[in-house]
């Protein structure tokens, strides 16, 4: 879910728990691990549960992807 004011995008909301204002890392990780074209975004906790991994693993993946130069973060 995206909220719009004029032409700018304000925030993304977690598809599962409704957490608002997802971080750039949460948005990037959802796109990187699920689909670039996703319409459903996940907070770290809900994404970890969905993928059946712990949040620390996902945080490590963010660091790894950033080190590789991934521009989604």
C-alpha atoms as a PDB file:
ATOM      1  CA  UNK A   1       0.000   0.000   0.000  1.00  0.00           C
ATOM      2  CA  UNK A   2       1.334   3.387  -0.949  1.00  0.00           C
ATOM      3  CA  UNK A   3       0.236   6.772   0.245  1.00  0.00           C
ATOM      4  CA  UNK A   4       0.498   9.644  -2.179  1.00  0.00           C
ATOM      5  CA  UNK A   5       0.467  13.386  -1.683  1.00  0.00           C
ATOM      6  CA  UNK A   6       0.507  15.110  -4.995  1.00  0.00           C
ATOM      7  CA  UNK A   7       3.139  13.410  -7.126  1.00  0.00           C
ATOM      8  CA  UNK A   8       5.359  12.166  -4.289  1.00  0.00           C
ATOM      9  CA  UNK A   9       5.218   8.840  -2.517  1.00  0.00           C
ATOM     10  CA  UNK A  10       5.132   9.265   1.263  1.00  0.00           C
ATOM     11  CA  UNK A  11       5.448   5.749   2.614  1.00  0.00           C
ATOM     12  CA  UNK A  12       4.954   2.049   2.190  1.00  0.00           C
ATOM     13  CA  UNK A  13       3.061  -0.054   4.712  1.00  0.00           C
ATOM     14  CA  UNK A  14       3.767  -3.649   5.743  1.00  0.00           C
ATOM     15  CA  UNK A  15       1.360  -6.001   3.981  1.00  0.00           C
ATOM     16  CA  UNK A  16       1.058  -8.226   7.076  1.00  0.00           C
ATOM     17  CA  UNK A  17       1.184  -6.105  10.248  1.00  0.00           C
ATOM     18  CA  UNK A  18       0.449  -2.646   8.859  1.00  0.00           C
ATOM     19  CA  UNK A  19       3.666  -1.037  10.104  1.00  0.00           C
ATOM     20  CA  UNK A  20       3.883   2.365   8.440  1.00  0.00           C
ATOM     21  CA  UNK A  21       6.870   4.199   6.969  1.00  0.00           C
ATOM     22  CA  UNK A  22       8.906   1.143   5.991  1.00  0.00           C
ATOM     23  CA  UNK A  23      12.606   1.911   5.714  1.00  0.00           C
ATOM     24  CA  UNK A  24      14.507   1.976   2.450  1.00  0.00           C
ATOM     25  CA  UNK A  25      16.196  -1.256   3.590  1.00  0.00           C
ATOM     26  CA  UNK A  26      12.852  -2.993   4.202  1.00  0.00           C
ATOM     27  CA  UNK A  27      11.512  -1.881   0.820  1.00  0.00           C
ATOM     28  CA  UNK A  28      14.737  -2.831  -0.982  1.00  0.00           C
ATOM     29  CA  UNK A  29      14.948  -6.215   0.704  1.00  0.00           C
ATOM     30  CA  UNK A  30      11.334  -7.038  -0.177  1.00  0.00           C
ATOM     31  CA  UNK A  31      12.026  -6.162  -3.813  1.00  0.00           C
ATOM     32  CA  UNK A  32      15.374  -7.988  -3.909  1.00  0.00           C
ATOM     33  CA  UNK A  33      14.148 -11.209  -2.293  1.00  0.00           C
ATOM     34  CA  UNK A  34      10.566 -11.414  -3.582  1.00  0.00           C
ATOM     35  CA  UNK A  35      10.107  -9.372  -6.755  1.00  0.00           C
ATOM     36  CA  UNK A  36      11.107  -6.008  -8.175  1.00  0.00           C
ATOM     37  CA  UNK A  37       7.478  -5.564  -9.230  1.00  0.00           C
ATOM     38  CA  UNK A  38       5.871  -6.425  -5.906  1.00  0.00           C
ATOM     39  CA  UNK A  39       2.883  -4.480  -4.707  1.00  0.00           C
ATOM     40  CA  UNK A  40       3.137  -5.953  -1.191  1.00  0.00           C
ATOM     41  CA  UNK A  41       5.938  -4.813   1.093  1.00  0.00           C
ATOM     42  CA  UNK A  42       7.067  -6.357   4.377  1.00  0.00           C
ATOM     43  CA  UNK A  43       8.751  -5.034   7.513  1.00  0.00           C
ATOM     44  CA  UNK A  44      11.843  -6.987   8.602  1.00  0.00           C
ATOM     45  CA  UNK A  45       9.964  -9.068  11.170  1.00  0.00           C
ATOM     46  CA  UNK A  46       7.145 -10.065   8.819  1.00  0.00           C
ATOM     47  CA  UNK A  47       9.547 -10.751   5.936  1.00  0.00           C
ATOM     48  CA  UNK A  48      11.645 -12.968   8.212  1.00  0.00           C
ATOM     49  CA  UNK A  49       8.554 -14.889   9.257  1.00  0.00           C
ATOM     50  CA  UNK A  50       7.364 -15.214   5.641  1.00  0.00           C
ATOM     51  CA  UNK A  51      10.780 -16.522   4.515  1.00  0.00           C
ATOM     52  CA  UNK A  52      11.218 -18.643   7.672  1.00  0.00           C
ATOM     53  CA  UNK A  53      14.541 -17.033   8.638  1.00  0.00           C
ATOM     54  CA  UNK A  54      15.510 -14.783  11.527  1.00  0.00           C
ATOM     55  CA  UNK A  55      15.768 -11.006  11.274  1.00  0.00           C
ATOM     56  CA  UNK A  56      19.525 -11.084  11.901  1.00  0.00           C
ATOM     57  CA  UNK A  57      19.948 -13.077   8.692  1.00  0.00           C
ATOM     58  CA  UNK A  58      18.017 -10.427   6.761  1.00  0.00           C
ATOM     59  CA  UNK A  59      20.088  -7.630   8.281  1.00  0.00           C
ATOM     60  CA  UNK A  60      23.241  -9.467   7.192  1.00  0.00           C
ATOM     61  CA  UNK A  61      21.799  -9.752   3.670  1.00  0.00           C
ATOM     62  CA  UNK A  62      21.203  -5.987   3.564  1.00  0.00           C
ATOM     63  CA  UNK A  63      24.849  -5.376   4.508  1.00  0.00           C
ATOM     64  CA  UNK A  64      25.962  -7.920   1.905  1.00  0.00           C
ATOM     65  CA  UNK A  65      23.811  -6.433  -0.872  1.00  0.00           C
ATOM     66  CA  UNK A  66      24.998  -2.904  -0.047  1.00  0.00           C
ATOM     67  CA  UNK A  67      28.632  -4.073  -0.174  1.00  0.00           C
ATOM     68  CA  UNK A  68      27.928  -5.543  -3.615  1.00  0.00           C
ATOM     69  CA  UNK A  69      26.707  -2.130  -4.747  1.00  0.00           C
ATOM     70  CA  UNK A  70      23.028  -3.010  -5.063  1.00  0.00           C
ATOM     71  CA  UNK A  71      21.130   0.218  -5.733  1.00  0.00           C
ATOM     72  CA  UNK A  72      17.886  -0.975  -4.111  1.00  0.00           C
ATOM     73  CA  UNK A  73      19.198   0.104  -0.710  1.00  0.00           C
END
